Amino acid sequence: MKSLVVVTILFLIAGSEAVASLFLSPVGHREAFLGNTGAGLVQSPGAVLFNPAGMAYFKDRPAVSLSGSAVSYQEFSGQALTRETGQLKSETLLGSAIFPVEAGLRMGVFYSYPGNIQDYLRSSSIENGAEVTDTSELQRQAAVGGIAYAGMIDADQSWGVGINIAYRELNGLVLSQSVSSGASTVRLQKNVEQQTSLVLTPGYMWRVSENYSFGLNVQWKALNVYSEGDQYINEFSSGDARPSEDFSRYTPASESMLGFTLGQVWNVDGHRLLLDLSWAPHSGYREMAVGRIRRCQKIFPLAGRLRCCRILIF
């Protein structure tokens, strides 16, 4: 039986307001089961997302693929299943069709949910003598559809480019209760942000030999098409006759997205080694306005630029 080893190394550098990640969930035909490693894979239907240049190696017949993944996590407390501390659900989908256009040229069309995450978090702390309890629910969704082209440069090298329309939505709900000296304050904040953008994904692939290949892929948000956010706040303190309410509409900051991935594949003695090195100086997943309230670091724990190394042996 072939062995499988997965090693993930993350280096976070604080100082950026973006959550640094190219894909927040496992997605892809083979890539989802390889820890989203696949920038150096040839002839994978997931190449439309991870490196369009990999499509050029498909034979002269159509290839159709539909794949999905689901991850669920919930913490236990004692003998009972509870939601006291944390919960995470993630579901993804990728459908793609790759077919020859003419000799040496391939075209792919695809639609994907590369990020569909639901988080639940509850925390308690003491701040300035007051007992504070925060309960938050956050849902991050992303849908990407587009078209990709790939062609051979020579017998071993290929190029590719994807033209994608990406839609992202963030729904955040935070309930905060503060109790101090018999007085209490309850604050409810609801945020919804929607963004639609044009993303370009050029790529390059070189199959150096039968035992080694590498690819380079770039993800770049070239244009922000649509961006809107809505915020609702309801706050009530003991002694108040009625709660205060505030509704506002705003334009979320258009964060740039730029990421690079270098993928390498080795075939050694019947085993395959995959190594992906990713660097994302800017990511499209921005902290919502809801993250700017107190406790934002617990709601959005991954702040900073990301360098990621993914190694798999199977």
Protein backbone atom coordinates (compact mmCIF):
# COMPACT_ATOMS: atom_id res chain seq x y z
CA MET A 1 0.00 0.00 0.00
CA LYS A 2 1.30 3.38 -0.94
CA SER A 3 2.08 5.62 1.97
CA LEU A 4 0.80 9.17 2.31
CA VAL A 5 2.66 11.86 4.17
CA VAL A 6 1.33 15.40 4.49
CA VAL A 7 3.44 18.23 5.85
CA THR A 8 2.19 21.82 5.99
CA ILE A 9 4.37 24.67 7.15
CA LEU A 10 2.92 28.16 7.63
CA PHE A 11 4.87 31.32 8.27
CA LEU A 12 2.72 34.30 9.24
CA ILE A 13 4.00 37.84 9.16
CA ALA A 14 1.76 40.25 11.07
CA GLY A 15 0.82 43.64 9.77
CA SER A 16 -1.60 43.03 6.91
CA GLU A 17 -5.37 43.47 7.20
CA ALA A 18 -6.08 40.56 4.85
CA VAL A 19 -6.63 36.94 5.65
CA ALA A 20 -3.90 35.43 3.53
CA SER A 21 -5.09 32.42 1.59
CA LEU A 22 -5.62 31.52 -2.05
CA PHE A 23 -8.15 28.76 -1.26
CA LEU A 24 -9.77 28.54 2.16
CA SER A 25 -11.06 24.96 1.71
CA PRO A 26 -10.02 21.72 -0.03
CA VAL A 27 -11.14 22.05 -3.66
CA GLY A 28 -10.29 20.35 -6.93
CA HIS A 29 -10.47 16.99 -8.69
CA ARG A 30 -7.27 15.48 -7.27
CA GLU A 31 -5.98 18.59 -5.54
CA ALA A 32 -8.61 18.56 -2.76
CA PHE A 33 -7.24 15.24 -1.51
CA LEU A 34 -3.66 16.45 -1.85
CA GLY A 35 -4.00 19.41 0.51
CA ASN A 36 -4.63 21.83 -2.40
CA THR A 37 -1.28 20.85 -3.86
CA GLY A 38 -1.33 20.69 -7.64
CA ALA A 39 0.34 23.61 -9.42
CA GLY A 40 2.80 21.13 -10.95
CA LEU A 41 0.28 18.43 -11.94
CA VAL A 42 -0.34 17.72 -15.61
CA GLN A 43 -3.61 16.37 -17.01
CA SER A 44 -5.68 17.16 -13.91
CA PRO A 45 -9.23 18.56 -14.34
CA GLY A 46 -8.41 20.83 -11.38
CA ALA A 47 -5.83 22.62 -13.54
CA VAL A 48 -8.49 25.18 -14.48
CA LEU A 49 -8.11 26.53 -10.91
CA PHE A 50 -4.57 25.61 -9.85
CA ASN A 51 -2.60 26.06 -13.08
CA PRO A 52 -4.31 26.38 -16.49
CA ALA A 53 -1.08 25.37 -18.24
CA GLY A 54 -1.67 21.80 -17.07
CA MET A 55 -4.64 21.51 -19.46
CA ALA A 56 -2.33 21.52 -22.48
CA TYR A 57 -1.24 17.92 -21.80
CA PHE A 58 -4.75 16.46 -22.21
CA LYS A 59 -5.23 14.20 -25.21
CA ASP A 60 -7.42 15.11 -28.17
CA ARG A 61 -10.71 14.21 -26.51
CA PRO A 62 -12.99 16.04 -24.07
CA ALA A 63 -12.55 15.57 -20.31
CA VAL A 64 -15.47 16.28 -17.99
CA SER A 65 -15.16 16.23 -14.18
CA LEU A 66 -17.35 16.95 -11.17
CA SER A 67 -15.83 16.83 -7.68
CA GLY A 68 -16.67 18.06 -4.20
CA SER A 69 -15.56 17.93 -0.58
CA ALA A 70 -17.13 18.42 2.82
CA VAL A 71 -15.45 19.05 6.18
CA SER A 72 -17.22 19.35 9.52
CA TYR A 73 -15.71 20.02 12.94
CA GLN A 74 -17.37 20.55 16.30
CA GLU A 75 -15.84 20.52 19.77
CA PHE A 76 -16.90 18.19 22.58
CA SER A 77 -17.40 19.19 26.18
CA GLY A 78 -17.55 16.31 28.62
CA GLN A 79 -19.91 13.64 27.35
CA ALA A 80 -22.15 15.95 25.35
CA LEU A 81 -21.74 17.56 21.95
CA THR A 82 -21.94 21.31 22.47
CA ARG A 83 -21.36 24.59 20.69
CA GLU A 84 -19.74 26.26 23.64
CA THR A 85 -16.39 26.97 22.06
CA GLY A 86 -16.21 26.33 18.34
CA GLN A 87 -17.65 24.82 15.18
CA LEU A 88 -16.50 24.73 11.55
CA LYS A 89 -18.22 23.51 8.39
CA SER A 90 -16.79 23.65 4.89
CA GLU A 91 -18.22 22.48 1.56
CA THR A 92 -16.71 22.93 -1.92
CA LEU A 93 -17.57 21.97 -5.49
CA LEU A 94 -15.76 22.05 -8.84
CA GLY A 95 -17.20 21.17 -12.23
CA SER A 96 -15.01 21.47 -15.32
CA ALA A 97 -14.95 20.51 -19.00
CA ILE A 98 -11.73 20.54 -21.01
CA PHE A 99 -11.70 19.92 -24.76
CA PRO A 100 -9.45 20.52 -27.79
CA VAL A 101 -10.05 23.61 -29.90
CA GLU A 102 -7.38 22.93 -32.51
CA ALA A 103 -4.02 21.22 -32.69
CA GLY A 104 -1.99 22.16 -29.60
CA LEU A 105 -4.72 24.35 -28.07
CA ARG A 106 -7.12 23.40 -25.27
CA MET A 107 -10.04 25.28 -23.75
CA GLY A 108 -11.66 24.69 -20.39
CA VAL A 109 -14.86 26.00 -18.83
CA PHE A 110 -15.61 25.61 -15.14
CA TYR A 111 -17.74 26.63 -12.19
CA SER A 112 -16.64 26.22 -8.60
CA TYR A 113 -17.37 26.91 -4.94
CA PRO A 114 -13.74 27.14 -3.76
CA GLY A 115 -14.74 28.51 -0.37
CA ASN A 116 -17.92 27.88 1.60
CA ILE A 117 -17.10 28.08 5.30
CA GLN A 118 -19.26 28.49 8.38
CA ASP A 119 -17.58 29.35 11.69
CA TYR A 120 -19.05 29.54 15.16
CA LEU A 121 -17.12 30.93 18.10
CA ARG A 122 -17.97 31.69 21.71
CA SER A 123 -15.56 33.26 24.19
CA SER A 124 -15.59 34.87 27.64
CA SER A 125 -13.15 37.28 29.23
CA ILE A 126 -12.76 40.01 31.85
CA GLU A 127 -12.20 43.51 30.49
CA ASN A 128 -11.95 46.59 32.75
CA GLY A 129 -13.69 44.73 35.54
CA ALA A 130 -16.61 43.65 33.33
CA GLU A 131 -17.42 40.09 32.33
CA VAL A 132 -17.71 40.00 28.53
CA THR A 133 -19.21 37.13 26.52
CA ASP A 134 -18.98 37.19 22.73
CA THR A 135 -20.85 34.84 20.42
CA SER A 136 -20.11 35.09 16.70
CA GLU A 137 -21.22 33.30 13.57
CA LEU A 138 -19.41 33.91 10.31
CA GLN A 139 -20.10 32.53 6.87
CA ARG A 140 -17.68 33.07 3.99
CA GLN A 141 -18.77 32.02 0.52
CA ALA A 142 -17.04 32.20 -2.82
CA ALA A 143 -18.10 31.23 -6.33
CA VAL A 144 -15.80 31.28 -9.33
CA GLY A 145 -16.68 30.66 -12.96
CA GLY A 146 -14.72 31.24 -16.09
CA ILE A 147 -12.90 30.07 -19.14
CA ALA A 148 -9.28 28.99 -19.55
CA TYR A 149 -6.98 28.37 -22.50
CA ALA A 150 -3.77 26.37 -22.71
CA GLY A 151 -1.30 25.50 -25.43
CA MET A 152 2.05 23.82 -26.00
CA ILE A 153 5.17 25.94 -26.38
CA ASP A 154 7.15 22.88 -27.45
CA ALA A 155 6.97 19.16 -26.72
CA ASP A 156 7.59 19.65 -22.98
CA GLN A 157 6.53 23.21 -22.08
CA SER A 158 3.10 24.77 -21.99
CA TRP A 159 1.33 28.02 -21.23
CA GLY A 160 -2.12 28.73 -19.88
CA VAL A 161 -4.37 31.56 -18.77
CA GLY A 162 -7.70 31.69 -16.98
CA ILE A 163 -10.26 34.50 -17.12
CA ASN A 164 -12.51 34.22 -14.08
CA ILE A 165 -15.44 36.04 -12.53
CA ALA A 166 -15.22 35.66 -8.74
CA TYR A 167 -18.05 36.35 -6.32
CA ARG A 168 -17.45 36.55 -2.58
CA GLU A 169 -19.90 37.09 0.25
CA LEU A 170 -19.28 37.44 3.96
CA ASN A 171 -22.08 37.27 6.53
CA GLY A 172 -21.14 38.09 10.11
CA LEU A 173 -23.24 38.12 13.26
CA VAL A 174 -21.75 39.10 16.64
CA LEU A 175 -23.66 39.13 19.92
CA SER A 176 -21.74 40.73 22.79
CA GLN A 177 -22.90 40.89 26.41
CA SER A 178 -21.09 42.88 29.09
CA VAL A 179 -21.99 42.65 32.80
CA SER A 180 -20.45 44.88 35.48
CA SER A 181 -21.68 45.91 38.96
CA GLY A 182 -25.25 44.85 38.24
CA ALA A 183 -25.41 46.75 34.96
CA SER A 184 -25.43 44.96 31.62
CA THR A 185 -25.13 45.91 27.96
CA VAL A 186 -26.13 43.74 25.02
CA ARG A 187 -24.88 44.62 21.55
CA LEU A 188 -25.87 42.88 18.30
CA GLN A 189 -24.01 43.58 15.11
CA LYS A 190 -24.83 42.16 11.68
CA ASN A 191 -22.69 42.69 8.58
CA VAL A 192 -23.14 41.53 4.99
CA GLU A 193 -20.51 42.21 2.34
CA GLN A 194 -20.62 41.26 -1.34
CA GLN A 195 -17.90 41.63 -3.93
CA THR A 196 -17.61 40.63 -7.59
CA SER A 197 -14.27 40.86 -9.37
CA LEU A 198 -12.35 39.83 -12.48
CA VAL A 199 -9.45 37.48 -11.69
CA LEU A 200 -6.71 36.48 -14.13
CA THR A 201 -4.67 33.29 -13.61
CA PRO A 202 -1.73 32.94 -16.02
CA GLY A 203 0.39 29.80 -15.69
CA TYR A 204 3.44 27.96 -17.03
CA MET A 205 4.34 24.27 -16.98
CA TRP A 206 7.50 22.37 -17.89
CA ARG A 207 7.65 18.58 -17.94
CA VAL A 208 11.42 18.26 -17.63
CA SER A 209 11.43 14.46 -17.70
CA GLU A 210 9.21 11.48 -16.96
CA ASN A 211 10.18 11.80 -13.29
CA TYR A 212 10.04 15.56 -12.76
CA SER A 213 7.82 18.49 -13.71
CA PHE A 214 7.14 21.93 -12.30
CA GLY A 215 4.60 24.69 -12.81
CA LEU A 216 4.16 28.34 -11.91
CA ASN A 217 0.76 29.96 -11.39
CA VAL A 218 -0.26 33.53 -10.61
CA GLN A 219 -3.63 34.71 -9.24
CA TRP A 220 -4.35 38.39 -9.76
CA LYS A 221 -7.57 40.30 -9.13
CA ALA A 222 -7.42 42.67 -12.06
CA LEU A 223 -10.70 44.54 -11.62
CA ASN A 224 -13.26 45.06 -8.87
CA VAL A 225 -16.66 44.99 -10.62
CA TYR A 226 -19.06 45.38 -7.70
CA SER A 227 -18.66 45.98 -3.97
CA GLU A 228 -21.31 46.70 -1.32
CA GLY A 229 -21.72 46.27 2.42
CA ASP A 230 -24.61 46.64 4.88
CA GLN A 231 -24.31 46.96 8.66
CA TYR A 232 -26.95 46.81 11.38
CA ILE A 233 -26.24 47.53 15.08
CA ASN A 234 -28.68 47.11 17.97
CA GLU A 235 -27.50 48.03 21.49
CA PHE A 236 -29.42 47.97 24.76
CA SER A 237 -28.18 48.79 28.28
CA SER A 238 -29.96 48.27 31.59
CA GLY A 239 -31.78 51.47 32.44
CA ASP A 240 -32.47 52.37 28.81
CA ALA A 241 -36.11 52.84 27.83
CA ARG A 242 -35.52 51.32 24.39
CA PRO A 243 -32.59 49.94 22.42
CA SER A 244 -30.62 52.11 20.04
CA GLU A 245 -30.50 51.01 16.41
CA ASP A 246 -28.29 52.01 13.52
CA PHE A 247 -28.32 50.89 9.90
CA SER A 248 -25.68 51.94 7.39
CA ARG A 249 -24.54 51.04 3.90
CA TYR A 250 -20.93 51.31 2.85
CA THR A 251 -18.48 50.31 0.14
CA PRO A 252 -16.01 47.70 1.42
CA ALA A 253 -12.38 48.48 0.75
CA SER A 254 -11.30 46.83 -2.47
CA GLU A 255 -8.37 44.72 -1.34
CA SER A 256 -6.03 43.54 -4.07
CA MET A 257 -5.44 39.84 -4.50
CA LEU A 258 -2.07 38.65 -5.70
CA GLY A 259 -0.66 35.18 -5.16
CA PHE A 260 2.13 33.06 -6.61
CA THR A 261 2.49 29.28 -6.45
CA LEU A 262 5.45 27.20 -7.60
CA GLY A 263 4.56 23.51 -7.83
CA GLN A 264 6.97 20.60 -8.34
CA VAL A 265 6.31 16.88 -8.86
CA TRP A 266 8.84 14.04 -8.56
CA ASN A 267 8.28 10.35 -9.36
CA VAL A 268 10.70 8.27 -7.29
CA ASP A 269 10.59 4.45 -6.99
CA GLY A 270 6.87 4.17 -7.50
CA HIS A 271 6.09 7.07 -5.18
CA ARG A 272 5.14 10.61 -6.08
CA LEU A 273 6.40 13.67 -4.21
CA LEU A 274 4.55 16.97 -4.60
CA LEU A 275 5.93 20.25 -3.31
CA ASP A 276 4.00 23.52 -3.60
CA LEU A 277 5.44 26.83 -2.43
CA SER A 278 2.86 29.62 -2.20
CA TRP A 279 3.37 33.28 -1.45
CA ALA A 280 0.43 35.65 -1.10
CA PRO A 281 1.49 39.25 -0.38
CA HIS A 282 -2.14 40.29 -0.86
CA SER A 283 -5.32 38.25 -0.49
CA GLY A 284 -8.89 39.00 -1.52
CA TYR A 285 -10.28 37.75 1.80
CA ARG A 286 -10.47 41.00 3.77
CA GLU A 287 -11.47 41.48 7.37
CA MET A 288 -15.09 42.56 7.43
CA ALA A 289 -16.28 45.61 9.28
CA VAL A 290 -17.58 43.20 11.90
CA GLY A 291 -13.98 42.27 12.56
CA ARG A 292 -13.16 45.82 13.57
CA ILE A 293 -15.14 45.63 16.77
CA ARG A 294 -13.66 44.37 20.00
CA ARG A 295 -12.60 40.68 19.81
CA CYS A 296 -11.78 40.93 16.11
CA GLN A 297 -8.59 38.91 16.48
CA LYS A 298 -10.57 35.96 17.80
CA ILE A 299 -13.05 36.16 14.94
CA PHE A 300 -10.36 36.53 12.28
CA PRO A 301 -7.30 34.81 13.75
CA LEU A 302 -5.22 34.57 10.55
CA ALA A 303 -4.07 38.09 9.84
CA GLY A 304 -0.94 38.68 7.87
CA ARG A 305 0.86 37.71 4.75
CA LEU A 306 1.30 34.04 4.12
CA ARG A 307 4.14 31.88 2.99
CA CYS A 308 3.01 28.28 2.68
CA CYS A 309 4.89 25.12 1.87
CA ARG A 310 2.86 21.97 1.12
CA ILE A 311 4.67 18.64 0.76
CA LEU A 312 2.95 15.36 -0.07
CA ILE A 313 4.35 11.89 -0.68
CA PHE A 314 2.15 9.07 -1.87
